PDB file of N, CA and C in Angstrom:
ATOM      1  N   MET A   1       0.836  -1.175   0.000  1.00  0.00           N
ATOM      2  CA  MET A   1       0.000   0.000   0.000  1.00  0.00           C
ATOM      3  C   MET A   1       0.886   1.245   0.000  1.00  0.00           C
ATOM      4  N   THR A   2       0.266   2.377  -0.061  1.00  0.00           N
ATOM      5  CA  THR A   2       1.041   3.601  -0.126  1.00  0.00           C
ATOM      6  C   THR A   2       1.493   4.086   1.234  1.00  0.00           C
ATOM      7  N   SER A   3       0.989   3.499   2.299  1.00  0.00           N
ATOM      8  CA  SER A   3       1.400   3.924   3.630  1.00  0.00           C
ATOM      9  C   SER A   3       2.887   3.683   3.792  1.00  0.00           C
ATOM     10  N   SER A   4       3.550   4.560   4.565  1.00  0.00           N
ATOM     11  CA  SER A   4       4.997   4.450   4.710  1.00  0.00           C
ATOM     12  C   SER A   4       5.399   3.217   5.494  1.00  0.00           C
ATOM     13  N   ASP A   5       4.578   2.782   6.444  1.00  0.00           N
ATOM     14  CA  ASP A   5       4.871   1.593   7.243  1.00  0.00           C
ATOM     15  C   ASP A   5       4.123   0.416   6.636  1.00  0.00           C
ATOM     16  N   SER A   6       4.843  -0.622   6.226  1.00  0.00           N
ATOM     17  CA  SER A   6       4.207  -1.745   5.538  1.00  0.00           C
ATOM     18  C   SER A   6       3.261  -2.514   6.444  1.00  0.00           C
ATOM     19  N   SER A   7       3.362  -2.332   7.786  1.00  0.00           N
ATOM     20  CA  SER A   7       2.461  -3.041   8.680  1.00  0.00           C
ATOM     21  C   SER A   7       1.260  -2.192   9.072  1.00  0.00           C
ATOM     22  N   SER A   8       1.192  -0.951   8.601  1.00  0.00           N
ATOM     23  CA  SER A   8       0.049  -0.112   8.939  1.00  0.00           C
ATOM     24  C   SER A   8      -1.148  -0.522   8.104  1.00  0.00           C
ATOM     25  N   PRO A   9      -2.345  -0.366   8.669  1.00  0.00           N
ATOM     26  CA  PRO A   9      -3.539  -0.773   7.917  1.00  0.00           C
ATOM     27  C   PRO A   9      -3.747   0.111   6.689  1.00  0.00           C
ATOM     28  N   PRO A  10      -4.365  -0.432   5.663  1.00  0.00           N
ATOM     29  CA  PRO A  10      -4.600   0.360   4.456  1.00  0.00           C
ATOM     30  C   PRO A  10      -5.589   1.493   4.734  1.00  0.00           C
ATOM     31  N   THR A  11      -5.316   2.637   4.154  1.00  0.00           N
ATOM     32  CA  THR A  11      -6.205   3.786   4.296  1.00  0.00           C
ATOM     33  C   THR A  11      -7.288   3.726   3.227  1.00  0.00           C
ATOM     34  N   LEU A  12      -8.276   4.594   3.364  1.00  0.00           N
ATOM     35  CA  LEU A  12      -9.310   4.684   2.328  1.00  0.00           C
ATOM     36  C   LEU A  12      -8.686   5.096   0.994  1.00  0.00           C
ATOM     37  N   GLU A  13      -7.628   5.918   1.050  1.00  0.00           N
ATOM     38  CA  GLU A  13      -6.940   6.326  -0.180  1.00  0.00           C
ATOM     39  C   GLU A  13      -6.271   5.120  -0.838  1.00  0.00           C
ATOM     40  N   ASP A  14      -5.693   4.225  -0.018  1.00  0.00           N
ATOM     41  CA  ASP A  14      -5.085   3.005  -0.556  1.00  0.00           C
ATOM     42  C   ASP A  14      -6.132   2.152  -1.266  1.00  0.00           C
ATOM     43  N   VAL A  15      -7.278   1.988  -0.611  1.00  0.00           N
ATOM     44  CA  VAL A  15      -8.356   1.170  -1.185  1.00  0.00           C
ATOM     45  C   VAL A  15      -8.884   1.827  -2.459  1.00  0.00           C
ATOM     46  N   ALA A  16      -9.007   3.141  -2.455  1.00  0.00           N
ATOM     47  CA  ALA A  16      -9.475   3.849  -3.654  1.00  0.00           C
ATOM     48  C   ALA A  16      -8.497   3.659  -4.811  1.00  0.00           C
ATOM     49  N   LYS A  17      -7.188   3.681  -4.506  1.00  0.00           N
ATOM     50  CA  LYS A  17      -6.185   3.496  -5.566  1.00  0.00           C
ATOM     51  C   LYS A  17      -6.272   2.079  -6.139  1.00  0.00           C
ATOM     52  N   VAL A  18      -6.382   1.076  -5.268  1.00  0.00           N
ATOM     53  CA  VAL A  18      -6.497  -0.309  -5.739  1.00  0.00           C
ATOM     54  C   VAL A  18      -7.774  -0.478  -6.553  1.00  0.00           C
ATOM     55  N   ALA A  19      -8.866   0.132  -6.087  1.00  0.00           N
ATOM     56  CA  ALA A  19     -10.129   0.051  -6.834  1.00  0.00           C
ATOM     57  C   ALA A  19      -9.974   0.681  -8.211  1.00  0.00           C
ATOM     58  N   SER A  20      -9.295   1.813  -8.274  1.00  0.00           N
ATOM     59  CA  SER A  20      -9.074   2.485  -9.556  1.00  0.00           C
ATOM     60  C   SER A  20      -8.230   1.620 -10.484  1.00  0.00           C
ATOM     61  N   LEU A  21      -7.152   1.038  -9.939  1.00  0.00           N
ATOM     62  CA  LEU A  21      -6.308   0.172 -10.764  1.00  0.00           C
ATOM     63  C   LEU A  21      -7.068  -1.062 -11.243  1.00  0.00           C
ATOM     64  N   SER A  22      -8.053  -1.489 -10.438  1.00  0.00           N
ATOM     65  CA  SER A  22      -8.873  -2.646 -10.797  1.00  0.00           C
ATOM     66  C   SER A  22     -10.061  -2.251 -11.663  1.00  0.00           C
ATOM     67  N   ARG A  23     -10.124  -0.961 -11.975  1.00  0.00           N
ATOM     68  CA  ARG A  23     -11.210  -0.408 -12.786  1.00  0.00           C
ATOM     69  C   ARG A  23     -12.572  -0.640 -12.131  1.00  0.00           C
ATOM     70  N   LEU A  24     -12.598  -0.474 -10.791  1.00  0.00           N
ATOM     71  CA  LEU A  24     -13.840  -0.558 -10.037  1.00  0.00           C
ATOM     72  C   LEU A  24     -14.264   0.848  -9.654  1.00  0.00           C
ATOM     73  N   ASN A  25     -15.511   1.172  -9.874  1.00  0.00           N
ATOM     74  CA  ASN A  25     -16.041   2.479  -9.516  1.00  0.00           C
ATOM     75  C   ASN A  25     -16.801   2.313  -8.207  1.00  0.00           C
ATOM     76  N   LEU A  26     -16.117   2.568  -7.080  1.00  0.00           N
ATOM     77  CA  LEU A  26     -16.723   2.380  -5.773  1.00  0.00           C
ATOM     78  C   LEU A  26     -17.068   3.725  -5.155  1.00  0.00           C
ATOM     79  N   GLY A  27     -18.266   3.817  -4.576  1.00  0.00           N
ATOM     80  CA  GLY A  27     -18.652   5.017  -3.840  1.00  0.00           C
ATOM     81  C   GLY A  27     -18.019   4.999  -2.457  1.00  0.00           C
ATOM     82  N   GLU A  28     -18.266   6.058  -1.692  1.00  0.00           N
ATOM     83  CA  GLU A  28     -17.662   6.179  -0.363  1.00  0.00           C
ATOM     84  C   GLU A  28     -18.054   5.011   0.546  1.00  0.00           C
ATOM     85  N   ASP A  29     -19.330   4.628   0.541  1.00  0.00           N
ATOM     86  CA  ASP A  29     -19.780   3.516   1.387  1.00  0.00           C
ATOM     87  C   ASP A  29     -19.115   2.205   0.966  1.00  0.00           C
ATOM     88  N   ALA A  30     -19.017   1.999  -0.335  1.00  0.00           N
ATOM     89  CA  ALA A  30     -18.402   0.775  -0.842  1.00  0.00           C
ATOM     90  C   ALA A  30     -16.903   0.751  -0.535  1.00  0.00           C
ATOM     91  N   LEU A  31     -16.252   1.915  -0.595  1.00  0.00           N
ATOM     92  CA  LEU A  31     -14.830   1.983  -0.251  1.00  0.00           C
ATOM     93  C   LEU A  31     -14.610   1.617   1.210  1.00  0.00           C
ATOM     94  N   ASP A  32     -15.466   2.120   2.078  1.00  0.00           N
ATOM     95  CA  ASP A  32     -15.345   1.813   3.501  1.00  0.00           C
ATOM     96  C   ASP A  32     -15.583   0.327   3.746  1.00  0.00           C
ATOM     97  N   SER A  33     -16.577  -0.229   3.081  1.00  0.00           N
ATOM     98  CA  SER A  33     -16.860  -1.658   3.209  1.00  0.00           C
ATOM     99  C   SER A  33     -15.694  -2.497   2.679  1.00  0.00           C
ATOM    100  N   ALA A  34     -15.139  -2.091   1.533  1.00  0.00           N
ATOM    101  CA  ALA A  34     -14.008  -2.820   0.953  1.00  0.00           C
ATOM    102  C   ALA A  34     -12.792  -2.735   1.873  1.00  0.00           C
ATOM    103  N   ARG A  35     -12.585  -1.590   2.508  1.00  0.00           N
ATOM    104  CA  ARG A  35     -11.471  -1.434   3.451  1.00  0.00           C
ATOM    105  C   ARG A  35     -11.655  -2.385   4.634  1.00  0.00           C
ATOM    106  N   ASN A  36     -12.884  -2.469   5.161  1.00  0.00           N
ATOM    107  CA  ASN A  36     -13.144  -3.385   6.273  1.00  0.00           C
ATOM    108  C   ASN A  36     -12.906  -4.837   5.862  1.00  0.00           C
ATOM    109  N   ASP A  37     -13.333  -5.202   4.654  1.00  0.00           N
ATOM    110  CA  ASP A  37     -13.089  -6.559   4.153  1.00  0.00           C
ATOM    111  C   ASP A  37     -11.596  -6.829   4.025  1.00  0.00           C
ATOM    112  N   LEU A  38     -10.867  -5.855   3.487  1.00  0.00           N
ATOM    113  CA  LEU A  38      -9.427  -6.001   3.321  1.00  0.00           C
ATOM    114  C   LEU A  38      -8.729  -6.129   4.672  1.00  0.00           C
ATOM    115  N   LEU A  39      -9.161  -5.349   5.655  1.00  0.00           N
ATOM    116  CA  LEU A  39      -8.581  -5.452   6.994  1.00  0.00           C
ATOM    117  C   LEU A  39      -8.809  -6.843   7.580  1.00  0.00           C
ATOM    118  N   ALA A  40     -10.003  -7.408   7.371  1.00  0.00           N
ATOM    119  CA  ALA A  40     -10.296  -8.749   7.878  1.00  0.00           C
ATOM    120  C   ALA A  40      -9.406  -9.790   7.208  1.00  0.00           C
ATOM    121  N   ILE A  41      -9.196  -9.655   5.906  1.00  0.00           N
ATOM    122  CA  ILE A  41      -8.335 -10.592   5.175  1.00  0.00           C
ATOM    123  C   ILE A  41      -6.902 -10.485   5.674  1.00  0.00           C
ATOM    124  N   LEU A  42      -6.410  -9.255   5.829  1.00  0.00           N
ATOM    125  CA  LEU A  42      -5.037  -9.063   6.296  1.00  0.00           C
ATOM    126  C   LEU A  42      -4.856  -9.589   7.723  1.00  0.00           C
ATOM    127  N   LYS A  43      -5.880  -9.446   8.558  1.00  0.00           N
ATOM    128  CA  LYS A  43      -5.813  -9.982   9.925  1.00  0.00           C
ATOM    129  C   LYS A  43      -5.723 -11.502   9.889  1.00  0.00           C
ATOM    130  N   HIS A  44      -6.503 -12.118   9.005  1.00  0.00           N
ATOM    131  CA  HIS A  44      -6.466 -13.578   8.871  1.00  0.00           C
ATOM    132  C   HIS A  44      -5.093 -14.047   8.383  1.00  0.00           C
ATOM    133  N   VAL A  45      -4.535 -13.356   7.412  1.00  0.00           N
ATOM    134  CA  VAL A  45      -3.202 -13.706   6.906  1.00  0.00           C
ATOM    135  C   VAL A  45      -2.165 -13.555   8.016  1.00  0.00           C
ATOM    136  N   ALA A  46      -2.275 -12.491   8.809  1.00  0.00           N
ATOM    137  CA  ALA A  46      -1.342 -12.293   9.923  1.00  0.00           C
ATOM    138  C   ALA A  46      -1.456 -13.440  10.925  1.00  0.00           C
ATOM    139  N   ASN A  47      -2.688 -13.902  11.172  1.00  0.00           N
ATOM    140  CA  ASN A  47      -2.872 -15.056  12.069  1.00  0.00           C
ATOM    141  C   ASN A  47      -2.226 -16.309  11.488  1.00  0.00           C
ATOM    142  N   LEU A  48      -2.353 -16.507  10.197  1.00  0.00           N
ATOM    143  CA  LEU A  48      -1.737 -17.674   9.560  1.00  0.00           C
ATOM    144  C   LEU A  48      -0.216 -17.627   9.663  1.00  0.00           C
ATOM    145  N   GLN A  49       0.347 -16.426   9.593  1.00  0.00           N
ATOM    146  CA  GLN A  49       1.799 -16.288   9.661  1.00  0.00           C
ATOM    147  C   GLN A  49       2.352 -16.623  11.043  1.00  0.00           C
ATOM    148  N   THR A  50       1.506 -16.662  12.058  1.00  0.00           N
ATOM    149  CA  THR A  50       1.972 -16.988  13.411  1.00  0.00           C
ATOM    150  C   THR A  50       2.027 -18.491  13.652  1.00  0.00           C
ATOM    151  N   LEU A  51       1.482 -19.293  12.753  1.00  0.00           N
ATOM    152  CA  LEU A  51       1.456 -20.739  12.944  1.00  0.00           C
ATOM    153  C   LEU A  51       2.858 -21.335  12.826  1.00  0.00           C
ATOM    154  N   ASP A  52       3.132 -22.312  13.669  1.00  0.00           N
ATOM    155  CA  ASP A  52       4.400 -23.036  13.603  1.00  0.00           C
ATOM    156  C   ASP A  52       4.253 -24.160  12.580  1.00  0.00           C
ATOM    157  N   VAL A  53       4.946 -24.046  11.470  1.00  0.00           N
ATOM    158  CA  VAL A  53       4.853 -25.043  10.411  1.00  0.00           C
ATOM    159  C   VAL A  53       6.175 -25.805  10.256  1.00  0.00           C
ATOM    160  N   GLU A  54       7.004 -25.730  11.267  1.00  0.00           N
ATOM    161  CA  GLU A  54       8.284 -26.452  11.240  1.00  0.00           C
ATOM    162  C   GLU A  54       8.010 -27.945  11.082  1.00  0.00           C
ATOM    163  N   GLY A  55       8.625 -28.559  10.095  1.00  0.00           N
ATOM    164  CA  GLY A  55       8.476 -29.990   9.866  1.00  0.00           C
ATOM    165  C   GLY A  55       7.239 -30.383   9.072  1.00  0.00           C
ATOM    166  N   VAL A  56       6.422 -29.424   8.672  1.00  0.00           N
ATOM    167  CA  VAL A  56       5.218 -29.723   7.893  1.00  0.00           C
ATOM    168  C   VAL A  56       5.587 -29.690   6.417  1.00  0.00           C
ATOM    169  N   GLU A  57       5.322 -30.785   5.731  1.00  0.00           N
ATOM    170  CA  GLU A  57       5.631 -30.856   4.301  1.00  0.00           C
ATOM    171  C   GLU A  57       4.685 -29.956   3.504  1.00  0.00           C
ATOM    172  N   PRO A  58       5.219 -29.161   2.603  1.00  0.00           N
ATOM    173  CA  PRO A  58       4.344 -28.333   1.753  1.00  0.00           C
ATOM    174  C   PRO A  58       3.485 -29.216   0.855  1.00  0.00           C
ATOM    175  N   MET A  59       2.274 -28.772   0.622  1.00  0.00           N
ATOM    176  CA  MET A  59       1.357 -29.515  -0.236  1.00  0.00           C
ATOM    177  C   MET A  59       1.016 -28.665  -1.454  1.00  0.00           C
ATOM    178  N   PRO A  60       1.214 -29.207  -2.640  1.00  0.00           N
ATOM    179  CA  PRO A  60       0.847 -28.425  -3.822  1.00  0.00           C
ATOM    180  C   PRO A  60      -0.666 -28.252  -3.934  1.00  0.00           C
ATOM    181  N   LYS A  61      -1.416 -29.198  -3.399  1.00  0.00           N
ATOM    182  CA  LYS A  61      -2.872 -29.110  -3.359  1.00  0.00           C
ATOM    183  C   LYS A  61      -3.369 -30.016  -2.228  1.00  0.00           C
ATOM    184  N   PRO A  62      -4.528 -29.735  -1.673  1.00  0.00           N
ATOM    185  CA  PRO A  62      -4.980 -30.481  -0.496  1.00  0.00           C
ATOM    186  C   PRO A  62      -5.451 -31.903  -0.775  1.00  0.00           C
ATOM    187  N   GLN A  63      -5.742 -32.231  -2.005  1.00  0.00           N
ATOM    188  CA  GLN A  63      -6.230 -33.570  -2.319  1.00  0.00           C
ATOM    189  C   GLN A  63      -5.427 -34.147  -3.473  1.00  0.00           C
ATOM    190  N   ASP A  64      -5.322 -35.457  -3.477  1.00  0.00           N
ATOM    191  CA  ASP A  64      -4.635 -36.134  -4.584  1.00  0.00           C
ATOM    192  C   ASP A  64      -5.641 -36.445  -5.691  1.00  0.00           C
ATOM    193  N   THR A  65      -6.089 -35.413  -6.364  1.00  0.00           N
ATOM    194  CA  THR A  65      -7.029 -35.602  -7.469  1.00  0.00           C
ATOM    195  C   THR A  65      -6.312 -35.377  -8.785  1.00  0.00           C
ATOM    196  N   VAL A  66      -6.790 -36.036  -9.789  1.00  0.00           N
ATOM    197  CA  VAL A  66      -6.219 -35.898 -11.115  1.00  0.00           C
ATOM    198  C   VAL A  66      -7.313 -35.389 -12.040  1.00  0.00           C
ATOM    199  N   ASN A  67      -7.011 -34.336 -12.759  1.00  0.00           N
ATOM    200  CA  ASN A  67      -7.977 -33.812 -13.715  1.00  0.00           C
ATOM    201  C   ASN A  67      -8.004 -34.719 -14.932  1.00  0.00           C
ATOM    202  N   ARG A  68      -9.190 -35.100 -15.319  1.00  0.00           N
ATOM    203  CA  ARG A  68      -9.339 -35.866 -16.540  1.00  0.00           C
ATOM    204  C   ARG A  68      -9.600 -34.872 -17.650  1.00  0.00           C
ATOM    205  N   LEU A  69      -8.644 -34.769 -18.539  1.00  0.00           N
ATOM    206  CA  LEU A  69      -8.765 -33.822 -19.631  1.00  0.00           C
ATOM    207  C   LEU A  69      -9.092 -34.552 -20.917  1.00  0.00           C
ATOM    208  N   ALA A  70     -10.099 -34.055 -21.595  1.00  0.00           N
ATOM    209  CA  ALA A  70     -10.475 -34.637 -22.877  1.00  0.00           C
ATOM    210  C   ALA A  70      -9.455 -34.210 -23.922  1.00  0.00           C
ATOM    211  N   GLU A  71      -9.294 -35.020 -24.930  1.00  0.00           N
ATOM    212  CA  GLU A  71      -8.406 -34.688 -26.036  1.00  0.00           C
ATOM    213  C   GLU A  71      -8.942 -33.453 -26.758  1.00  0.00           C
ATOM    214  N   ASP A  72      -8.030 -32.600 -27.177  1.00  0.00           N
ATOM    215  CA  ASP A  72      -8.425 -31.448 -27.978  1.00  0.00           C
ATOM    216  C   ASP A  72      -8.755 -31.930 -29.377  1.00  0.00           C
ATOM    217  N   GLU A  73      -9.979 -31.675 -29.770  1.00  0.00           N
ATOM    218  CA  GLU A  73     -10.399 -32.052 -31.113  1.00  0.00           C
ATOM    219  C   GLU A  73     -11.058 -30.844 -31.754  1.00  0.00           C
ATOM    220  N   PRO A  74     -10.634 -30.502 -32.954  1.00  0.00           N
ATOM    221  CA  PRO A  74     -11.252 -29.347 -33.609  1.00  0.00           C
ATOM    222  C   PRO A  74     -12.724 -29.607 -33.866  1.00  0.00           C
ATOM    223  N   GLY A  75     -13.507 -28.573 -33.659  1.00  0.00           N
ATOM    224  CA  GLY A  75     -14.942 -28.672 -33.921  1.00  0.00           C
ATOM    225  C   GLY A  75     -15.352 -27.602 -34.908  1.00  0.00           C
ATOM    226  N   GLN A  76     -16.635 -27.495 -35.105  1.00  0.00           N
ATOM    227  CA  GLN A  76     -17.139 -26.502 -36.049  1.00  0.00           C
ATOM    228  C   GLN A  76     -16.966 -25.113 -35.447  1.00  0.00           C
ATOM    229  N   CYS A  77     -16.450 -24.196 -36.230  1.00  0.00           N
ATOM    230  CA  CYS A  77     -16.239 -22.821 -35.780  1.00  0.00           C
ATOM    231  C   CYS A  77     -17.537 -22.034 -35.890  1.00  0.00           C
ATOM    232  N   LEU A  78     -17.659 -21.035 -35.030  1.00  0.00           N
ATOM    233  CA  LEU A  78     -18.798 -20.137 -35.087  1.00  0.00           C
ATOM    234  C   LEU A  78     -18.614 -19.200 -36.276  1.00  0.00           C
ATOM    235  N   ASP A  79     -19.680 -18.969 -37.007  1.00  0.00           N
ATOM    236  CA  ASP A  79     -19.628 -18.076 -38.156  1.00  0.00           C
ATOM    237  C   ASP A  79     -19.224 -16.676 -37.703  1.00  0.00           C
ATOM    238  N   ARG A  80     -18.315 -16.043 -38.438  1.00  0.00           N
ATOM    239  CA  ARG A  80     -17.792 -14.726 -38.069  1.00  0.00           C
ATOM    240  C   ARG A  80     -18.901 -13.696 -37.911  1.00  0.00           C
ATOM    241  N   GLU A  81     -19.866 -13.697 -38.796  1.00  0.00           N
ATOM    242  CA  GLU A  81     -20.951 -12.708 -38.716  1.00  0.00           C
ATOM    243  C   GLU A  81     -21.779 -12.901 -37.447  1.00  0.00           C
ATOM    244  N   ILE A  82     -22.016 -14.132 -37.060  1.00  0.00           N
ATOM    245  CA  ILE A  82     -22.761 -14.407 -35.824  1.00  0.00           C
ATOM    246  C   ILE A  82     -21.942 -13.953 -34.620  1.00  0.00           C
ATOM    247  N   LEU A  83     -20.659 -14.273 -34.636  1.00  0.00           N
ATOM    248  CA  LEU A  83     -19.780 -13.879 -33.538  1.00  0.00           C
ATOM    249  C   LEU A  83     -19.735 -12.355 -33.397  1.00  0.00           C
ATOM    250  N   LEU A  84     -19.556 -11.651 -34.495  1.00  0.00           N
ATOM    251  CA  LEU A  84     -19.508 -10.192 -34.454  1.00  0.00           C
ATOM    252  C   LEU A  84     -20.848  -9.601 -34.018  1.00  0.00           C
ATOM    253  N   ALA A  85     -21.949 -10.240 -34.376  1.00  0.00           N
ATOM    254  CA  ALA A  85     -23.270  -9.753 -33.966  1.00  0.00           C
ATOM    255  C   ALA A  85     -23.449  -9.897 -32.451  1.00  0.00           C
ATOM    256  N   MET A  86     -22.792 -10.872 -31.830  1.00  0.00           N
ATOM    257  CA  MET A  86     -22.907 -11.082 -30.385  1.00  0.00           C
ATOM    258  C   MET A  86     -21.967 -10.171 -29.606  1.00  0.00           C
ATOM    259  N   ALA A  87     -20.955  -9.611 -30.229  1.00  0.00           N
ATOM    260  CA  ALA A  87     -19.964  -8.784 -29.534  1.00  0.00           C
ATOM    261  C   ALA A  87     -20.593  -7.454 -29.124  1.00  0.00           C
ATOM    262  N   PRO A  88     -20.235  -6.947 -27.926  1.00  0.00           N
ATOM    263  CA  PRO A  88     -20.796  -5.663 -27.497  1.00  0.00           C
ATOM    264  C   PRO A  88     -20.328  -4.486 -28.356  1.00  0.00           C
ATOM    265  N   LYS A  89     -19.117  -4.588 -28.915  1.00  0.00           N
ATOM    266  CA  LYS A  89     -18.594  -3.502 -29.745  1.00  0.00           C
ATOM    267  C   LYS A  89     -17.632  -4.104 -30.772  1.00  0.00           C
ATOM    268  N   THR A  90     -17.688  -3.593 -31.984  1.00  0.00           N
ATOM    269  CA  THR A  90     -16.791  -4.083 -33.035  1.00  0.00           C
ATOM    270  C   THR A  90     -16.111  -2.906 -33.719  1.00  0.00           C
ATOM    271  N   GLU A  91     -14.989  -3.215 -34.366  1.00  0.00           N
ATOM    272  CA  GLU A  91     -14.285  -2.270 -35.225  1.00  0.00           C
ATOM    273  C   GLU A  91     -13.982  -3.011 -36.513  1.00  0.00           C
ATOM    274  N   GLY A  92     -14.780  -2.744 -37.506  1.00  0.00           N
ATOM    275  CA  GLY A  92     -14.631  -3.471 -38.758  1.00  0.00           C
ATOM    276  C   GLY A  92     -14.974  -4.932 -38.544  1.00  0.00           C
ATOM    277  N   SER A  93     -14.058  -5.817 -38.914  1.00  0.00           N
ATOM    278  CA  SER A  93     -14.317  -7.251 -38.749  1.00  0.00           C
ATOM    279  C   SER A  93     -13.659  -7.807 -37.492  1.00  0.00           C
ATOM    280  N   PHE A  94     -13.421  -6.913 -36.493  1.00  0.00           N
ATOM    281  CA  PHE A  94     -12.784  -7.320 -35.246  1.00  0.00           C
ATOM    282  C   PHE A  94     -13.672  -6.980 -34.053  1.00  0.00           C
ATOM    283  N   ILE A  95     -13.497  -7.716 -32.958  1.00  0.00           N
ATOM    284  CA  ILE A  95     -14.167  -7.398 -31.698  1.00  0.00           C
ATOM    285  C   ILE A  95     -13.331  -6.355 -30.992  1.00  0.00           C
ATOM    286  N   ALA A  96     -13.949  -5.238 -30.603  1.00  0.00           N
ATOM    287  CA  ALA A  96     -13.239  -4.156 -29.911  1.00  0.00           C
ATOM    288  C   ALA A  96     -13.249  -4.438 -28.413  1.00  0.00           C
ATOM    289  N   VAL A  97     -12.098  -4.289 -27.785  1.00  0.00           N
ATOM    290  CA  VAL A  97     -11.984  -4.485 -26.345  1.00  0.00           C
ATOM    291  C   VAL A  97     -11.346  -3.242 -25.736  1.00  0.00           C
ATOM    292  N   PRO A  98     -11.663  -2.951 -24.459  1.00  0.00           N
ATOM    293  CA  PRO A  98     -11.070  -1.764 -23.837  1.00  0.00           C
ATOM    294  C   PRO A  98      -9.583  -1.941 -23.554  1.00  0.00           C
ATOM    295  N   LYS A  99      -8.859  -0.825 -23.602  1.00  0.00           N
ATOM    296  CA  LYS A  99      -7.446  -0.840 -23.265  1.00  0.00           C
ATOM    297  C   LYS A  99      -7.331  -1.091 -21.774  1.00  0.00           C
ATOM    298  N   VAL A 100      -6.447  -1.990 -21.344  1.00  0.00           N
ATOM    299  CA  VAL A 100      -6.312  -2.303 -19.923  1.00  0.00           C
ATOM    300  C   VAL A 100      -4.907  -2.062 -19.386  1.00  0.00           C
ATOM    301  N   LEU A 101      -3.993  -1.646 -20.207  1.00  0.00           N
ATOM    302  CA  LEU A 101      -2.615  -1.506 -19.767  1.00  0.00           C
ATOM    303  C   LEU A 101      -2.174  -0.055 -19.607  1.00  0.00           C
ATOM    304  N   GLY A 102      -3.071   0.830 -19.255  1.00  0.00           N
ATOM    305  CA  GLY A 102      -2.686   2.203 -19.002  1.00  0.00           C
ATOM    306  C   GLY A 102      -2.721   3.057 -20.246  1.00  0.00           C
ATOM    307  N   GLU A 103      -2.261   4.269 -20.065  1.00  0.00           N
ATOM    308  CA  GLU A 103      -2.331   5.260 -21.136  1.00  0.00           C
ATOM    309  C   GLU A 103      -1.455   4.922 -22.323  1.00  0.00           C
ATOM    310  N   GLY A 104      -0.279   4.363 -22.080  1.00  0.00           N
ATOM    311  CA  GLY A 104       0.652   4.126 -23.164  1.00  0.00           C
ATOM    312  C   GLY A 104       0.523   2.763 -23.805  1.00  0.00           C
ATOM    313  N   GLY A 105      -0.509   2.002 -23.469  1.00  0.00           N
ATOM    314  CA  GLY A 105      -0.626   0.651 -24.003  1.00  0.00           C
ATOM    315  C   GLY A 105       0.373  -0.263 -23.340  1.00  0.00           C
ATOM    316  N   ALA A 106       0.924  -1.188 -24.083  1.00  0.00           N
ATOM    317  CA  ALA A 106       1.880  -2.145 -23.526  1.00  0.00           C
ATOM    318  C   ALA A 106       3.149  -1.428 -23.240  1.00  0.00           C
TER     319      ALA A 106
END
């Protein structure tokens, strides 16, 4: 966060900045609620960091499950005109998407 002390709780300004970077338009009430949620999450993480895990083997996942993946097989493609008709915005024969990487692009 922008606070000078990394252990200090996030301010409303910190939450507003994260919301802006996430392209979320939050009002004052929502910012306060999001700050409270973030404080609860950070408190939980701090509690987890106090646990003694000496000698505990790391687990890549909690269960020994295997994903059954189907073979990739080409199927019938959607017609371009139908696809473009479903898109919220187009530019010529392309689907237009909002810029997400800031003012200068990539």
